[in-house]
C-alpha atoms as a PDB file:
ATOM      1  CA  MET A   1      53.615  16.979 -26.158  1.00  0.00           C
ATOM      2  CA  SER A   2      54.511  13.300 -26.179  1.00  0.00           C
ATOM      3  CA  ALA A   3      52.303  10.675 -27.979  1.00  0.00           C
ATOM      4  CA  GLY A   4      51.483   9.061 -24.603  1.00  0.00           C
ATOM      5  CA  ASP A   5      50.287  12.199 -22.987  1.00  0.00           C
ATOM      6  CA  ASN A   6      46.375  12.060 -22.921  1.00  0.00           C
ATOM      7  CA  SER A   7      45.970  15.719 -21.419  1.00  0.00           C
ATOM      8  CA  LYS A   8      43.908  18.032 -23.625  1.00  0.00           C
ATOM      9  CA  THR A   9      45.120  21.534 -23.981  1.00  0.00           C
ATOM     10  CA  ILE A  10      43.589  24.182 -26.229  1.00  0.00           C
ATOM     11  CA  HIS A  11      46.025  26.999 -27.369  1.00  0.00           C
ATOM     12  CA  ALA A  12      44.640  30.328 -26.963  1.00  0.00           C
ATOM     13  CA  PRO A  13      45.255  33.256 -29.493  1.00  0.00           C
ATOM     14  CA  ALA A  14      48.087  35.499 -29.074  1.00  0.00           C
ATOM     15  CA  GLY A  15      47.973  37.643 -25.895  1.00  0.00           C
ATOM     16  CA  ILE A  16      45.693  35.297 -23.992  1.00  0.00           C
ATOM     17  CA  PRO A  17      47.271  32.720 -21.461  1.00  0.00           C
ATOM     18  CA  ASP A  18      47.038  29.112 -22.365  1.00  0.00           C
ATOM     19  CA  ASP A  19      45.867  28.429 -18.812  1.00  0.00           C
ATOM     20  CA  TRP A  20      42.629  30.099 -19.495  1.00  0.00           C
ATOM     21  CA  PHE A  21      41.546  27.419 -21.692  1.00  0.00           C
ATOM     22  CA  LYS A  22      43.234  24.301 -20.198  1.00  0.00           C
ATOM     23  CA  TRP A  23      40.791  21.479 -19.447  1.00  0.00           C
ATOM     24  CA  LYS A  24      41.524  20.190 -16.036  1.00  0.00           C
ATOM     25  CA  ASP A  25      40.984  16.554 -14.962  1.00  0.00           C
ATOM     26  CA  LYS A  26      38.041  17.498 -12.620  1.00  0.00           C
ATOM     27  CA  ASP A  27      36.473  19.275 -15.576  1.00  0.00           C
ATOM     28  CA  LEU A  28      36.560  16.285 -17.697  1.00  0.00           C
ATOM     29  CA  GLU A  29      35.057  14.137 -14.997  1.00  0.00           C
ATOM     30  CA  ALA A  30      32.254  16.785 -14.467  1.00  0.00           C
ATOM     31  CA  ALA A  31      31.530  16.762 -18.132  1.00  0.00           C
ATOM     32  CA  GLU A  32      31.453  12.892 -18.265  1.00  0.00           C
ATOM     33  CA  THR A  33      29.079  12.856 -15.286  1.00  0.00           C
ATOM     34  CA  VAL A  34      26.629  15.327 -16.925  1.00  0.00           C
ATOM     35  CA  SER A  35      26.635  13.301 -20.204  1.00  0.00           C
ATOM     36  CA  ARG A  36      25.657  10.012 -18.305  1.00  0.00           C
ATOM     37  CA  PRO A  37      21.901   9.261 -18.674  1.00  0.00           C
ATOM     38  CA  SER A  38      19.999  10.164 -15.467  1.00  0.00           C
ATOM     39  CA  LEU A  39      17.929   7.678 -13.595  1.00  0.00           C
ATOM     40  CA  SER A  40      14.126   7.450 -14.464  1.00  0.00           C
ATOM     41  CA  TYR A  41      11.614   8.599 -11.874  1.00  0.00           C
ATOM     42  CA  TRP A  42      10.837   4.953 -10.778  1.00  0.00           C
ATOM     43  CA  LYS A  43      14.503   3.785 -10.703  1.00  0.00           C
ATOM     44  CA  ASP A  44      15.308   6.850  -8.679  1.00  0.00           C
ATOM     45  CA  ALA A  45      12.359   6.197  -6.162  1.00  0.00           C
ATOM     46  CA  TRP A  46      13.405   2.511  -5.834  1.00  0.00           C
ATOM     47  CA  LYS A  47      16.851   3.626  -5.149  1.00  0.00           C
ATOM     48  CA  ARG A  48      15.967   5.960  -2.205  1.00  0.00           C
ATOM     49  CA  LEU A  49      13.322   3.565  -0.881  1.00  0.00           C
ATOM     50  CA  ARG A  50      16.239   0.891  -0.553  1.00  0.00           C
ATOM     51  CA  LYS A  51      18.025   3.546   1.708  1.00  0.00           C
ATOM     52  CA  ASN A  52      15.191   3.463   4.008  1.00  0.00           C
ATOM     53  CA  LYS A  53      15.983   0.387   6.196  1.00  0.00           C
ATOM     54  CA  LEU A  54      12.707   0.650   8.175  1.00  0.00           C
ATOM     55  CA  ALA A  55      10.569   0.764   5.115  1.00  0.00           C
ATOM     56  CA  MET A  56      12.482  -2.218   3.492  1.00  0.00           C
ATOM     57  CA  ALA A  57      12.135  -4.277   6.624  1.00  0.00           C
ATOM     58  CA  GLY A  58       8.354  -3.630   6.306  1.00  0.00           C
ATOM     59  CA  LEU A  59       8.413  -4.702   2.752  1.00  0.00           C
ATOM     60  CA  VAL A  60      10.239  -7.967   3.465  1.00  0.00           C
ATOM     61  CA  PHE A  61       7.926  -8.733   6.383  1.00  0.00           C
ATOM     62  CA  LEU A  62       4.953  -8.221   4.077  1.00  0.00           C
ATOM     63  CA  ILE A  63       6.468 -10.435   1.336  1.00  0.00           C
ATOM     64  CA  LEU A  64       7.117 -13.182   3.845  1.00  0.00           C
ATOM     65  CA  LEU A  65       3.723 -12.890   5.377  1.00  0.00           C
ATOM     66  CA  GLY A  66       2.120 -13.202   1.795  1.00  0.00           C
ATOM     67  CA  ILE A  67       4.133 -16.226   1.238  1.00  0.00           C
ATOM     68  CA  LEU A  68       3.413 -17.904   4.417  1.00  0.00           C
ATOM     69  CA  ALA A  69      -0.368 -17.035   3.952  1.00  0.00           C
ATOM     70  CA  VAL A  70      -0.246 -18.864   0.772  1.00  0.00           C
ATOM     71  CA  ILE A  71       1.793 -22.016   1.789  1.00  0.00           C
ATOM     72  CA  GLY A  72       1.115 -22.156   5.602  1.00  0.00           C
ATOM     73  CA  PRO A  73      -2.123 -23.852   5.606  1.00  0.00           C
ATOM     74  CA  MET A  74      -1.027 -26.040   2.811  1.00  0.00           C
ATOM     75  CA  VAL A  75       2.032 -27.425   4.587  1.00  0.00           C
ATOM     76  CA  SER A  76       0.247 -27.876   7.925  1.00  0.00           C
ATOM     77  CA  PRO A  77      -1.105 -31.463   8.469  1.00  0.00           C
ATOM     78  CA  TYR A  78      -3.958 -29.948  10.594  1.00  0.00           C
ATOM     79  CA  SER A  79      -7.277 -28.529   9.212  1.00  0.00           C
ATOM     80  CA  VAL A  80      -8.488 -25.019  10.003  1.00  0.00           C
ATOM     81  CA  VAL A  81     -11.998 -26.277  11.148  1.00  0.00           C
ATOM     82  CA  ASP A  82     -11.356 -29.635  12.584  1.00  0.00           C
ATOM     83  CA  GLN A  83     -11.726 -29.812  16.296  1.00  0.00           C
ATOM     84  CA  ASN A  84      -9.853 -32.121  18.591  1.00  0.00           C
ATOM     85  CA  ARG A  85     -10.976 -31.711  22.182  1.00  0.00           C
ATOM     86  CA  PRO A  86      -8.438 -33.810  23.916  1.00  0.00           C
ATOM     87  CA  ASN A  87      -5.806 -31.481  22.398  1.00  0.00           C
ATOM     88  CA  GLN A  88      -7.254 -28.272  23.766  1.00  0.00           C
ATOM     89  CA  PHE A  89      -4.965 -25.603  25.014  1.00  0.00           C
ATOM     90  CA  LEU A  90      -1.641 -27.240  24.156  1.00  0.00           C
ATOM     91  CA  PRO A  91       1.259 -24.880  24.404  1.00  0.00           C
ATOM     92  CA  PRO A  92       3.524 -24.282  21.439  1.00  0.00           C
ATOM     93  CA  SER A  93       5.605 -27.418  20.733  1.00  0.00           C
ATOM     94  CA  ALA A  94       7.163 -29.262  17.777  1.00  0.00           C
ATOM     95  CA  ASP A  95       3.745 -30.742  16.978  1.00  0.00           C
ATOM     96  CA  HIS A  96       1.860 -27.506  17.157  1.00  0.00           C
ATOM     97  CA  TRP A  97       4.225 -24.665  16.601  1.00  0.00           C
ATOM     98  CA  PHE A  98       1.683 -22.077  17.852  1.00  0.00           C
ATOM     99  CA  GLY A  99      -0.290 -24.450  20.212  1.00  0.00           C
ATOM    100  CA  THR A 100      -3.901 -25.151  20.036  1.00  0.00           C
ATOM    101  CA  ASP A 101      -6.931 -23.312  21.140  1.00  0.00           C
ATOM    102  CA  SER A 102     -10.163 -24.103  23.240  1.00  0.00           C
ATOM    103  CA  LEU A 103     -11.363 -26.532  20.671  1.00  0.00           C
ATOM    104  CA  GLY A 104      -8.056 -28.228  20.014  1.00  0.00           C
ATOM    105  CA  ARG A 105      -7.606 -26.444  16.652  1.00  0.00           C
ATOM    106  CA  ASP A 106      -4.124 -25.801  15.496  1.00  0.00           C
ATOM    107  CA  VAL A 107      -3.227 -22.089  15.932  1.00  0.00           C
ATOM    108  CA  PHE A 108      -0.508 -22.017  13.415  1.00  0.00           C
ATOM    109  CA  THR A 109      -3.018 -23.266  10.642  1.00  0.00           C
ATOM    110  CA  ARG A 110      -5.580 -20.743  11.746  1.00  0.00           C
ATOM    111  CA  THR A 111      -3.217 -18.027  11.963  1.00  0.00           C
ATOM    112  CA  TRP A 112      -1.993 -18.319   8.314  1.00  0.00           C
ATOM    113  CA  TYR A 113      -5.478 -18.832   7.091  1.00  0.00           C
ATOM    114  CA  GLY A 114      -6.543 -15.632   8.838  1.00  0.00           C
ATOM    115  CA  ALA A 115      -3.694 -13.930   7.142  1.00  0.00           C
ATOM    116  CA  ARG A 116      -5.191 -14.995   3.783  1.00  0.00           C
ATOM    117  CA  ILE A 117      -8.526 -13.465   4.766  1.00  0.00           C
ATOM    118  CA  SER A 118      -7.052 -10.191   6.260  1.00  0.00           C
ATOM    119  CA  LEU A 119      -4.770  -9.777   3.167  1.00  0.00           C
ATOM    120  CA  PHE A 120      -7.512 -10.510   0.640  1.00  0.00           C
ATOM    121  CA  VAL A 121      -9.840  -7.979   2.215  1.00  0.00           C
ATOM    122  CA  GLY A 122      -7.193  -5.309   2.569  1.00  0.00           C
ATOM    123  CA  LEU A 123      -6.017  -5.651  -1.010  1.00  0.00           C
ATOM    124  CA  MET A 124      -9.512  -5.931  -2.549  1.00  0.00           C
ATOM    125  CA  ALA A 125     -10.528  -2.761  -0.636  1.00  0.00           C
ATOM    126  CA  ALA A 126      -7.529  -0.981  -1.736  1.00  0.00           C
ATOM    127  CA  LEU A 127      -8.142  -2.126  -5.406  1.00  0.00           C
ATOM    128  CA  ILE A 128     -11.838  -1.022  -5.338  1.00  0.00           C
ATOM    129  CA  ASP A 129     -10.850   2.270  -3.742  1.00  0.00           C
ATOM    130  CA  PHE A 130      -8.169   2.765  -6.512  1.00  0.00           C
ATOM    131  CA  PHE A 131     -10.541   2.296  -9.437  1.00  0.00           C
ATOM    132  CA  VAL A 132     -13.548   4.158  -8.111  1.00  0.00           C
ATOM    133  CA  GLY A 133     -11.425   6.941  -6.445  1.00  0.00           C
ATOM    134  CA  VAL A 134      -9.133   7.452  -9.468  1.00  0.00           C
ATOM    135  CA  VAL A 135     -12.091   7.555 -12.057  1.00  0.00           C
ATOM    136  CA  TYR A 136     -14.270  10.018  -9.706  1.00  0.00           C
ATOM    137  CA  GLY A 137     -11.403  12.178  -8.608  1.00  0.00           C
ATOM    138  CA  GLY A 138      -9.937  12.385 -12.011  1.00  0.00           C
ATOM    139  CA  LEU A 139     -13.186  13.501 -13.777  1.00  0.00           C
ATOM    140  CA  SER A 140     -14.045  15.929 -10.989  1.00  0.00           C
ATOM    141  CA  GLY A 141     -10.686  17.572 -11.081  1.00  0.00           C
ATOM    142  CA  TYR A 142     -10.291  17.550 -14.890  1.00  0.00           C
ATOM    143  CA  LYS A 143     -13.880  18.948 -15.655  1.00  0.00           C
ATOM    144  CA  GLY A 144     -13.839  21.564 -12.995  1.00  0.00           C
ATOM    145  CA  GLY A 145     -16.501  24.127 -12.677  1.00  0.00           C
ATOM    146  CA  ARG A 146     -20.033  23.189 -12.066  1.00  0.00           C
ATOM    147  CA  THR A 147     -19.308  19.458 -12.441  1.00  0.00           C
ATOM    148  CA  ASP A 148     -16.573  19.528  -9.959  1.00  0.00           C
ATOM    149  CA  SER A 149     -18.623  21.308  -7.544  1.00  0.00           C
ATOM    150  CA  ILE A 150     -21.500  18.817  -7.654  1.00  0.00           C
ATOM    151  CA  MET A 151     -19.258  15.901  -7.438  1.00  0.00           C
ATOM    152  CA  MET A 152     -17.447  17.285  -4.458  1.00  0.00           C
ATOM    153  CA  ARG A 153     -20.756  17.946  -2.687  1.00  0.00           C
ATOM    154  CA  ILE A 154     -21.594  14.308  -3.080  1.00  0.00           C
ATOM    155  CA  ILE A 155     -17.975  13.486  -1.557  1.00  0.00           C
ATOM    156  CA  GLU A 156     -18.693  15.788   1.345  1.00  0.00           C
ATOM    157  CA  ILE A 157     -21.938  13.922   2.160  1.00  0.00           C
ATOM    158  CA  LEU A 158     -20.314  10.549   2.031  1.00  0.00           C
ATOM    159  CA  TYR A 159     -17.411  11.902   4.068  1.00  0.00           C
ATOM    160  CA  GLY A 160     -19.784  13.079   6.591  1.00  0.00           C
ATOM    161  CA  LEU A 161     -21.437   9.709   7.209  1.00  0.00           C
ATOM    162  CA  PRO A 162     -20.193   7.721  10.305  1.00  0.00           C
ATOM    163  CA  TYR A 163     -17.909   5.191   8.476  1.00  0.00           C
ATOM    164  CA  LEU A 164     -18.107   2.476  11.207  1.00  0.00           C
ATOM    165  CA  LEU A 165     -21.914   2.982  11.413  1.00  0.00           C
ATOM    166  CA  VAL A 166     -22.505   2.616   7.626  1.00  0.00           C
ATOM    167  CA  VAL A 167     -20.313  -0.551   7.655  1.00  0.00           C
ATOM    168  CA  ILE A 168     -22.151  -2.178  10.619  1.00  0.00           C
ATOM    169  CA  LEU A 169     -25.575  -1.390   9.157  1.00  0.00           C
ATOM    170  CA  LEU A 170     -24.705  -2.903   5.816  1.00  0.00           C
ATOM    171  CA  LEU A 171     -23.410  -5.999   7.572  1.00  0.00           C
ATOM    172  CA  VAL A 172     -26.638  -6.345   9.635  1.00  0.00           C
ATOM    173  CA  VAL A 173     -28.814  -5.911   6.471  1.00  0.00           C
ATOM    174  CA  MET A 174     -26.648  -8.028   3.993  1.00  0.00           C
ATOM    175  CA  GLY A 175     -25.585 -10.615   6.616  1.00  0.00           C
ATOM    176  CA  PRO A 176     -21.996 -11.252   7.543  1.00  0.00           C
ATOM    177  CA  SER A 177     -19.721 -12.683   4.903  1.00  0.00           C
ATOM    178  CA  LEU A 178     -16.379 -11.960   3.085  1.00  0.00           C
ATOM    179  CA  ALA A 179     -18.092 -10.302   0.224  1.00  0.00           C
ATOM    180  CA  THR A 180     -20.307  -8.224   2.356  1.00  0.00           C
ATOM    181  CA  ILE A 181     -17.114  -6.975   4.434  1.00  0.00           C
ATOM    182  CA  ILE A 182     -15.562  -5.930   1.177  1.00  0.00           C
ATOM    183  CA  ILE A 183     -18.536  -4.072  -0.148  1.00  0.00           C
ATOM    184  CA  ALA A 184     -19.074  -2.434   3.195  1.00  0.00           C
ATOM    185  CA  LEU A 185     -15.572  -1.212   3.464  1.00  0.00           C
ATOM    186  CA  SER A 186     -15.647   0.215  -0.005  1.00  0.00           C
ATOM    187  CA  VAL A 187     -18.893   2.079   0.090  1.00  0.00           C
ATOM    188  CA  THR A 188     -17.266   5.204   1.508  1.00  0.00           C
ATOM    189  CA  GLY A 189     -13.694   4.147   1.487  1.00  0.00           C
ATOM    190  CA  TRP A 190     -12.864   5.426  -1.804  1.00  0.00           C
ATOM    191  CA  VAL A 191     -13.604   9.011  -0.861  1.00  0.00           C
ATOM    192  CA  GLY A 192     -10.097   9.718   0.486  1.00  0.00           C
ATOM    193  CA  MET A 193      -8.578   8.487  -2.617  1.00  0.00           C
ATOM    194  CA  ALA A 194     -10.873  10.546  -4.879  1.00  0.00           C
ATOM    195  CA  ARG A 195     -10.013  13.823  -2.835  1.00  0.00           C
ATOM    196  CA  ILE A 196      -6.401  13.185  -3.236  1.00  0.00           C
ATOM    197  CA  VAL A 197      -6.538  12.392  -7.175  1.00  0.00           C
ATOM    198  CA  ARG A 198      -8.776  15.538  -7.655  1.00  0.00           C
ATOM    199  CA  GLY A 199      -6.212  17.675  -5.937  1.00  0.00           C
ATOM    200  CA  GLN A 200      -3.273  16.238  -8.058  1.00  0.00           C
ATOM    201  CA  VAL A 201      -5.302  16.600 -11.266  1.00  0.00           C
ATOM    202  CA  LEU A 202      -6.143  20.307 -10.567  1.00  0.00           C
ATOM    203  CA  GLN A 203      -2.411  21.058 -10.285  1.00  0.00           C
ATOM    204  CA  ILE A 204      -1.421  19.101 -13.474  1.00  0.00           C
ATOM    205  CA  LYS A 205      -4.333  19.708 -15.943  1.00  0.00           C
ATOM    206  CA  ASN A 206      -2.931  23.229 -16.900  1.00  0.00           C
ATOM    207  CA  PHE A 207       0.477  21.951 -17.671  1.00  0.00           C
ATOM    208  CA  GLU A 208       1.715  22.314 -21.292  1.00  0.00           C
ATOM    209  CA  PHE A 209       1.613  18.642 -22.226  1.00  0.00           C
ATOM    210  CA  VAL A 210      -2.015  18.355 -21.266  1.00  0.00           C
ATOM    211  CA  LEU A 211      -2.979  21.418 -23.059  1.00  0.00           C
ATOM    212  CA  ALA A 212      -1.297  20.243 -26.105  1.00  0.00           C
ATOM    213  CA  SER A 213      -3.336  16.921 -25.865  1.00  0.00           C
ATOM    214  CA  LYS A 214      -6.517  18.953 -25.614  1.00  0.00           C
ATOM    215  CA  SER A 215      -5.636  21.177 -28.632  1.00  0.00           C
ATOM    216  CA  PHE A 216      -5.236  18.006 -30.736  1.00  0.00           C
ATOM    217  CA  GLY A 217      -8.738  16.938 -29.795  1.00  0.00           C
ATOM    218  CA  THR A 218      -7.644  14.054 -27.564  1.00  0.00           C
ATOM    219  CA  LYS A 219     -10.837  12.744 -25.708  1.00  0.00           C
ATOM    220  CA  THR A 220     -11.062  13.213 -21.955  1.00  0.00           C
ATOM    221  CA  PRO A 221     -10.764   9.510 -20.886  1.00  0.00           C
ATOM    222  CA  ARG A 222      -7.500   9.177 -22.788  1.00  0.00           C
ATOM    223  CA  ILE A 223      -6.065  12.424 -21.552  1.00  0.00           C
ATOM    224  CA  ILE A 224      -6.732  11.204 -17.885  1.00  0.00           C
ATOM    225  CA  ARG A 225      -5.306   7.755 -18.684  1.00  0.00           C
ATOM    226  CA  LYS A 226      -2.181   8.838 -20.644  1.00  0.00           C
ATOM    227  CA  ASN A 227      -1.402  12.306 -19.203  1.00  0.00           C
ATOM    228  CA  LEU A 228      -2.718  12.767 -15.790  1.00  0.00           C
ATOM    229  CA  LEU A 229      -2.833   9.318 -14.245  1.00  0.00           C
ATOM    230  CA  PRO A 230       0.876   8.548 -14.668  1.00  0.00           C
ATOM    231  CA  ASN A 231       1.783  11.855 -12.965  1.00  0.00           C
ATOM    232  CA  THR A 232      -0.367  11.167 -10.034  1.00  0.00           C
ATOM    233  CA  MET A 233       0.809   7.650  -9.304  1.00  0.00           C
ATOM    234  CA  GLY A 234       3.047   8.614  -6.345  1.00  0.00           C
ATOM    235  CA  PRO A 235       0.401   9.919  -4.171  1.00  0.00           C
ATOM    236  CA  ILE A 236      -2.075   7.143  -5.261  1.00  0.00           C
ATOM    237  CA  ILE A 237       0.568   4.275  -4.398  1.00  0.00           C
ATOM    238  CA  VAL A 238       1.119   5.951  -0.999  1.00  0.00           C
ATOM    239  CA  GLN A 239      -2.639   6.228  -0.216  1.00  0.00           C
ATOM    240  CA  MET A 240      -3.172   2.464  -1.266  1.00  0.00           C
ATOM    241  CA  THR A 241      -0.402   1.390   1.194  1.00  0.00           C
ATOM    242  CA  LEU A 242      -2.395   3.124   3.947  1.00  0.00           C
ATOM    243  CA  THR A 243      -5.742   1.849   2.841  1.00  0.00           C
ATOM    244  CA  VAL A 244      -4.724  -1.719   3.200  1.00  0.00           C
ATOM    245  CA  PRO A 245      -3.858  -1.590   6.953  1.00  0.00           C
ATOM    246  CA  ASN A 246      -7.119   0.280   7.550  1.00  0.00           C
ATOM    247  CA  ALA A 247      -9.084  -2.210   5.956  1.00  0.00           C
ATOM    248  CA  ILE A 248      -7.309  -5.093   7.683  1.00  0.00           C
ATOM    249  CA  PHE A 249      -7.910  -3.633  11.072  1.00  0.00           C
ATOM    250  CA  ALA A 250     -11.583  -2.882  10.260  1.00  0.00           C
ATOM    251  CA  GLU A 251     -12.114  -6.629   9.195  1.00  0.00           C
ATOM    252  CA  ALA A 252     -10.389  -7.790  12.332  1.00  0.00           C
ATOM    253  CA  PHE A 253     -12.482  -5.307  14.364  1.00  0.00           C
ATOM    254  CA  LEU A 254     -15.774  -6.481  12.740  1.00  0.00           C
ATOM    255  CA  SER A 255     -14.907 -10.104  13.171  1.00  0.00           C
ATOM    256  CA  PHE A 256     -14.041  -9.382  16.643  1.00  0.00           C
ATOM    257  CA  LEU A 257     -17.547  -8.129  17.198  1.00  0.00           C
ATOM    258  CA  GLY A 258     -19.142 -11.114  15.365  1.00  0.00           C
ATOM    259  CA  LEU A 259     -19.980  -9.174  12.242  1.00  0.00           C
ATOM    260  CA  GLY A 260     -17.398 -10.577   9.958  1.00  0.00           C
ATOM    261  CA  ILE A 261     -16.016 -13.965   9.198  1.00  0.00           C
ATOM    262  CA  GLN A 262     -17.896 -16.589  11.158  1.00  0.00           C
ATOM    263  CA  SER A 263     -16.587 -19.569  12.919  1.00  0.00           C
ATOM    264  CA  PRO A 264     -15.388 -22.223  12.257  1.00  0.00           C
ATOM    265  CA  TYR A 265     -13.490 -20.375   9.647  1.00  0.00           C
ATOM    266  CA  ALA A 266     -10.644 -18.204  10.890  1.00  0.00           C
ATOM    267  CA  SER A 267      -9.685 -14.604  10.637  1.00  0.00           C
ATOM    268  CA  TRP A 268      -7.282 -12.666  13.036  1.00  0.00           C
ATOM    269  CA  GLY A 269     -10.346 -10.938  14.492  1.00  0.00           C
ATOM    270  CA  VAL A 270     -12.242 -14.220  14.982  1.00  0.00           C
ATOM    271  CA  MET A 271      -9.257 -15.717  16.714  1.00  0.00           C
ATOM    272  CA  ALA A 272      -8.837 -12.725  19.153  1.00  0.00           C
ATOM    273  CA  ASN A 273     -12.573 -13.074  20.046  1.00  0.00           C
ATOM    274  CA  ASP A 274     -12.164 -16.739  20.787  1.00  0.00           C
ATOM    275  CA  ALA A 275      -9.061 -16.248  22.774  1.00  0.00           C
ATOM    276  CA  LEU A 276     -10.549 -13.624  25.129  1.00  0.00           C
ATOM    277  CA  GLY A 277     -11.781 -16.271  27.801  1.00  0.00           C
ATOM    278  CA  ALA A 278      -8.531 -18.298  27.288  1.00  0.00           C
ATOM    279  CA  ILE A 279      -6.148 -15.676  28.074  1.00  0.00           C
ATOM    280  CA  LEU A 280      -7.585 -15.277  31.553  1.00  0.00           C
ATOM    281  CA  SER A 281      -6.705 -18.928  32.316  1.00  0.00           C
ATOM    282  CA  GLY A 282      -3.035 -18.378  31.224  1.00  0.00           C
ATOM    283  CA  ASN A 283      -3.284 -19.641  27.654  1.00  0.00           C
ATOM    284  CA  TRP A 284      -1.488 -16.601  26.219  1.00  0.00           C
ATOM    285  CA  TRP A 285      -0.621 -18.146  22.864  1.00  0.00           C
ATOM    286  CA  THR A 286      -4.258 -18.012  21.714  1.00  0.00           C
ATOM    287  CA  LEU A 287      -4.217 -14.361  21.694  1.00  0.00           C
ATOM    288  CA  PHE A 288      -0.655 -13.551  21.028  1.00  0.00           C
ATOM    289  CA  PHE A 289      -0.230 -14.800  17.679  1.00  0.00           C
ATOM    290  CA  PRO A 290      -3.245 -13.051  15.991  1.00  0.00           C
ATOM    291  CA  ALA A 291      -2.536  -9.806  17.887  1.00  0.00           C
ATOM    292  CA  PHE A 292       1.060  -9.920  17.021  1.00  0.00           C
ATOM    293  CA  PHE A 293       0.380 -10.346  13.292  1.00  0.00           C
ATOM    294  CA  ILE A 294      -2.389  -7.721  13.335  1.00  0.00           C
ATOM    295  CA  SER A 295      -0.110  -5.245  14.882  1.00  0.00           C
ATOM    296  CA  PHE A 296       3.079  -5.811  12.814  1.00  0.00           C
ATOM    297  CA  THR A 297       1.150  -6.010   9.552  1.00  0.00           C
ATOM    298  CA  MET A 298      -0.461  -2.518  10.165  1.00  0.00           C
ATOM    299  CA  PHE A 299       3.045  -1.426  11.287  1.00  0.00           C
ATOM    300  CA  ALA A 300       4.773  -2.858   8.093  1.00  0.00           C
ATOM    301  CA  PHE A 301       2.218  -1.169   5.842  1.00  0.00           C
ATOM    302  CA  ASN A 302       2.521   2.122   7.667  1.00  0.00           C
ATOM    303  CA  VAL A 303       6.250   2.323   7.531  1.00  0.00           C
ATOM    304  CA  LEU A 304       6.310   1.200   3.871  1.00  0.00           C
ATOM    305  CA  GLY A 305       3.720   3.889   3.054  1.00  0.00           C
ATOM    306  CA  ASP A 306       5.954   6.640   4.772  1.00  0.00           C
ATOM    307  CA  GLY A 307       9.102   5.329   2.892  1.00  0.00           C
ATOM    308  CA  LEU A 308       7.116   5.387  -0.357  1.00  0.00           C
ATOM    309  CA  GLN A 309       5.933   8.906   0.374  1.00  0.00           C
ATOM    310  CA  ASP A 310       9.653  10.086   0.576  1.00  0.00           C
ATOM    311  CA  ALA A 311      10.967   8.062  -2.279  1.00  0.00           C
ATOM    312  CA  LEU A 312       8.183   9.174  -4.628  1.00  0.00           C
ATOM    313  CA  ASP A 313       8.511  12.831  -3.644  1.00  0.00           C
ATOM    314  CA  PRO A 314       9.955  14.402  -6.821  1.00  0.00           C
ATOM    315  CA  ARG A 315      11.344  17.297  -4.692  1.00  0.00           C
ATOM    316  CA  LEU A 316      13.746  14.837  -3.268  1.00  0.00           C
ATOM    317  CA  LYS A 317      14.880  13.336  -6.607  1.00  0.00           C
ATOM    318  CA  GLU A 318      18.811  13.194  -6.897  1.00  0.00           C
END
């Protein structure tokens, strides 16, 4: 064999053909592929999420929405509350990109201020559901037995209460405000998260690594935090992406009924309520922009949640 020949050949003992032990090029490539380090769970999930064009479009829309919600009212020369009667019902133009409403207020400024309110309510409701639901569901699933039975009966009672009725009663008793809306949405909103976490913990708590931690005397809070919670993050993240649009729609609906954010401050629900009379007179822009952003924000969160559900499914791991 010449010095420049890189092929590898193992000579078999006498009586056995050399071809039986010859390493083919394709075998070398397969061995190299196996020896390469595999992608981590989160890197593999991100790789699969990027292949979902609809989910990525929803993610890009939400990022742009968040950026504009922050800088939109800041770059606009108009106030969210100042009224200018002579400028009422101006159509979209270079001066007022989204037009003006019945009181001469700039719809562009109020739309992005409303985005702040809606996103803040949605994210805060999702975070509260996350902390309460994870702790409650994790303890219920991990403890099991009588403790799990009692905790699940409490969840079933809360789950049976009419959600919208509870929210409206709390808003009537406590008075409409941003803090009241978040509290009202979170009173029973964490129940779904708790049930999902409990189901995941029931599956994982008998795995070997959890039993090993218990045998070493690790305390329950640490087992939940270090062993159980990281292995349930996939369903938790998906649930959070579905909680946010539900909270956004609930806030818009309550503000539309007059139980949420109060004028002169803006939310998408308040703007839709103010625009009801204007739409009949042909001033379509007063309703179009808040309705558009409510619809597309909910759509973006839902397609992102569907994409995350596929990306975080370990059964689809490449």
